[in-house]
Amino acid sequence: MKPIYHFDDFEPPKLTQRMLLEETSRRVLRRQTILLAIASFLANISIAILAFYIIRIHLLAGIICLSFFCLSLIGNGLISVLFIYQRRRNYHVIIN
């Protein structure tokens, strides 16, 4: 039977405690970022629902709530773009 894996051809990279801690912190940061994005999405949904309920009672309060919703969406979009840009930049640093 022909072997398909050649374990003696190359040497695996050396792992250090610092590298493992960096990977752990990167995973924790990624998890926290995902949770923050989900929380932000839920907050935006609740603000939009509140705006449509409150606009029936008081028009100015509803408009203020809708403007806050729009500003929140713009801010979340900018933060998302910055996170994606930084993640791609860090990814290219790791590869090269």
C-alpha atoms as a PDB file:
ATOM      1  CA  MET A   1       0.000   0.000   0.000  1.00  0.00           C
ATOM      2  CA  LYS A   2       1.361   3.373  -1.020  1.00  0.00           C
ATOM      3  CA  PRO A   3       1.662   5.934   1.816  1.00  0.00           C
ATOM      4  CA  ILE A   4      -0.237   9.147   1.181  1.00  0.00           C
ATOM      5  CA  TYR A   5       1.199  11.204   4.024  1.00  0.00           C
ATOM      6  CA  HIS A   6       4.903  11.977   4.209  1.00  0.00           C
ATOM      7  CA  PHE A   7       5.605  13.062   7.759  1.00  0.00           C
ATOM      8  CA  ASP A   8       9.373  13.094   7.374  1.00  0.00           C
ATOM      9  CA  ASP A   9       9.477  15.505   4.432  1.00  0.00           C
ATOM     10  CA  PHE A  10       8.955  18.703   6.407  1.00  0.00           C
ATOM     11  CA  GLU A  11       9.199  19.907   9.958  1.00  0.00           C
ATOM     12  CA  PRO A  12       6.092  21.354  11.628  1.00  0.00           C
ATOM     13  CA  PRO A  13       6.249  24.905  12.968  1.00  0.00           C
ATOM     14  CA  LYS A  14       7.440  25.386  16.493  1.00  0.00           C
ATOM     15  CA  LEU A  15       4.645  26.345  18.880  1.00  0.00           C
ATOM     16  CA  THR A  16       5.317  28.577  21.817  1.00  0.00           C
ATOM     17  CA  GLN A  17       3.165  29.561  24.740  1.00  0.00           C
ATOM     18  CA  ARG A  18       3.012  33.115  23.394  1.00  0.00           C
ATOM     19  CA  MET A  19       1.629  31.901  20.061  1.00  0.00           C
ATOM     20  CA  LEU A  20      -1.001  29.777  21.792  1.00  0.00           C
ATOM     21  CA  LEU A  21      -2.031  32.671  24.055  1.00  0.00           C
ATOM     22  CA  GLU A  22      -2.315  34.983  21.036  1.00  0.00           C
ATOM     23  CA  GLU A  23      -4.529  32.485  19.242  1.00  0.00           C
ATOM     24  CA  THR A  24      -6.690  32.083  22.356  1.00  0.00           C
ATOM     25  CA  SER A  25      -7.071  35.839  22.744  1.00  0.00           C
ATOM     26  CA  ARG A  26      -7.881  36.163  19.023  1.00  0.00           C
ATOM     27  CA  ARG A  27     -10.630  33.556  19.360  1.00  0.00           C
ATOM     28  CA  VAL A  28     -12.039  35.273  22.452  1.00  0.00           C
ATOM     29  CA  LEU A  29     -12.034  38.623  20.639  1.00  0.00           C
ATOM     30  CA  ARG A  30     -13.780  37.071  17.627  1.00  0.00           C
ATOM     31  CA  ARG A  31     -16.448  35.551  19.880  1.00  0.00           C
ATOM     32  CA  GLN A  32     -16.979  38.851  21.697  1.00  0.00           C
ATOM     33  CA  THR A  33     -17.239  40.697  18.376  1.00  0.00           C
ATOM     34  CA  ILE A  34     -19.902  38.303  17.138  1.00  0.00           C
ATOM     35  CA  LEU A  35     -21.876  38.672  20.373  1.00  0.00           C
ATOM     36  CA  LEU A  36     -21.593  42.451  20.154  1.00  0.00           C
ATOM     37  CA  ALA A  37     -22.845  42.420  16.560  1.00  0.00           C
ATOM     38  CA  ILE A  38     -25.833  40.250  17.546  1.00  0.00           C
ATOM     39  CA  ALA A  39     -26.634  42.517  20.497  1.00  0.00           C
ATOM     40  CA  SER A  40     -26.393  45.577  18.268  1.00  0.00           C
ATOM     41  CA  PHE A  41     -28.711  43.990  15.706  1.00  0.00           C
ATOM     42  CA  LEU A  42     -31.284  43.185  18.407  1.00  0.00           C
ATOM     43  CA  ALA A  43     -31.020  46.716  19.799  1.00  0.00           C
ATOM     44  CA  ASN A  44     -31.629  48.171  16.332  1.00  0.00           C
ATOM     45  CA  ILE A  45     -34.695  45.975  15.877  1.00  0.00           C
ATOM     46  CA  SER A  46     -36.071  47.070  19.235  1.00  0.00           C
ATOM     47  CA  ILE A  47     -35.452  50.752  18.425  1.00  0.00           C
ATOM     48  CA  ALA A  48     -37.270  50.388  15.089  1.00  0.00           C
ATOM     49  CA  ILE A  49     -40.240  48.661  16.753  1.00  0.00           C
ATOM     50  CA  LEU A  50     -40.323  51.327  19.457  1.00  0.00           C
ATOM     51  CA  ALA A  51     -40.268  54.059  16.808  1.00  0.00           C
ATOM     52  CA  PHE A  52     -43.246  52.607  14.964  1.00  0.00           C
ATOM     53  CA  TYR A  53     -45.239  52.187  18.173  1.00  0.00           C
ATOM     54  CA  ILE A  54     -44.411  55.604  19.579  1.00  0.00           C
ATOM     55  CA  ILE A  55     -45.071  57.472  16.307  1.00  0.00           C
ATOM     56  CA  ARG A  56     -48.796  56.832  16.828  1.00  0.00           C
ATOM     57  CA  ILE A  57     -48.707  58.541  20.203  1.00  0.00           C
ATOM     58  CA  HIS A  58     -46.339  61.440  19.562  1.00  0.00           C
ATOM     59  CA  LEU A  59     -45.036  62.290  16.121  1.00  0.00           C
ATOM     60  CA  LEU A  60     -41.914  64.205  17.200  1.00  0.00           C
ATOM     61  CA  ALA A  61     -40.799  61.423  19.554  1.00  0.00           C
ATOM     62  CA  GLY A  62     -41.260  58.889  16.765  1.00  0.00           C
ATOM     63  CA  ILE A  63     -39.185  60.964  14.354  1.00  0.00           C
ATOM     64  CA  ILE A  64     -36.434  61.337  16.957  1.00  0.00           C
ATOM     65  CA  CYS A  65     -36.487  57.587  17.545  1.00  0.00           C
ATOM     66  CA  LEU A  66     -36.310  56.895  13.796  1.00  0.00           C
ATOM     67  CA  SER A  67     -33.398  59.320  13.393  1.00  0.00           C
ATOM     68  CA  PHE A  68     -31.596  57.588  16.268  1.00  0.00           C
ATOM     69  CA  PHE A  69     -32.270  54.280  14.511  1.00  0.00           C
ATOM     70  CA  CYS A  70     -30.757  55.595  11.261  1.00  0.00           C
ATOM     71  CA  LEU A  71     -27.688  56.964  13.045  1.00  0.00           C
ATOM     72  CA  SER A  72     -27.273  53.659  14.858  1.00  0.00           C
ATOM     73  CA  LEU A  73     -27.412  51.749  11.571  1.00  0.00           C
ATOM     74  CA  ILE A  74     -24.804  54.044  10.027  1.00  0.00           C
ATOM     75  CA  GLY A  75     -22.516  53.630  13.034  1.00  0.00           C
ATOM     76  CA  ASN A  76     -22.909  49.862  13.052  1.00  0.00           C
ATOM     77  CA  GLY A  77     -22.132  49.725   9.351  1.00  0.00           C
ATOM     78  CA  LEU A  78     -18.962  51.762   9.804  1.00  0.00           C
ATOM     79  CA  ILE A  79     -17.820  49.612  12.721  1.00  0.00           C
ATOM     80  CA  SER A  80     -18.491  46.451  10.702  1.00  0.00           C
ATOM     81  CA  VAL A  81     -16.447  47.760   7.780  1.00  0.00           C
ATOM     82  CA  LEU A  82     -13.565  48.671  10.099  1.00  0.00           C
ATOM     83  CA  PHE A  83     -13.603  45.232  11.748  1.00  0.00           C
ATOM     84  CA  ILE A  84     -13.608  43.499   8.362  1.00  0.00           C
ATOM     85  CA  TYR A  85     -10.781  45.718   7.087  1.00  0.00           C
ATOM     86  CA  GLN A  86      -8.665  45.086  10.184  1.00  0.00           C
ATOM     87  CA  ARG A  87      -9.332  41.364  10.080  1.00  0.00           C
ATOM     88  CA  ARG A  88      -8.236  41.176   6.416  1.00  0.00           C
ATOM     89  CA  ARG A  89      -5.150  43.255   7.140  1.00  0.00           C
ATOM     90  CA  ASN A  90      -4.184  41.036  10.098  1.00  0.00           C
ATOM     91  CA  TYR A  91      -4.885  37.946   8.045  1.00  0.00           C
ATOM     92  CA  HIS A  92      -2.454  39.058   5.329  1.00  0.00           C
ATOM     93  CA  VAL A  93       0.193  39.780   7.963  1.00  0.00           C
ATOM     94  CA  ILE A  94      -0.152  36.235   9.321  1.00  0.00           C
ATOM     95  CA  ILE A  95       0.027  34.625   5.869  1.00  0.00           C
ATOM     96  CA  ASN A  96       3.069  36.573   4.689  1.00  0.00           C
END
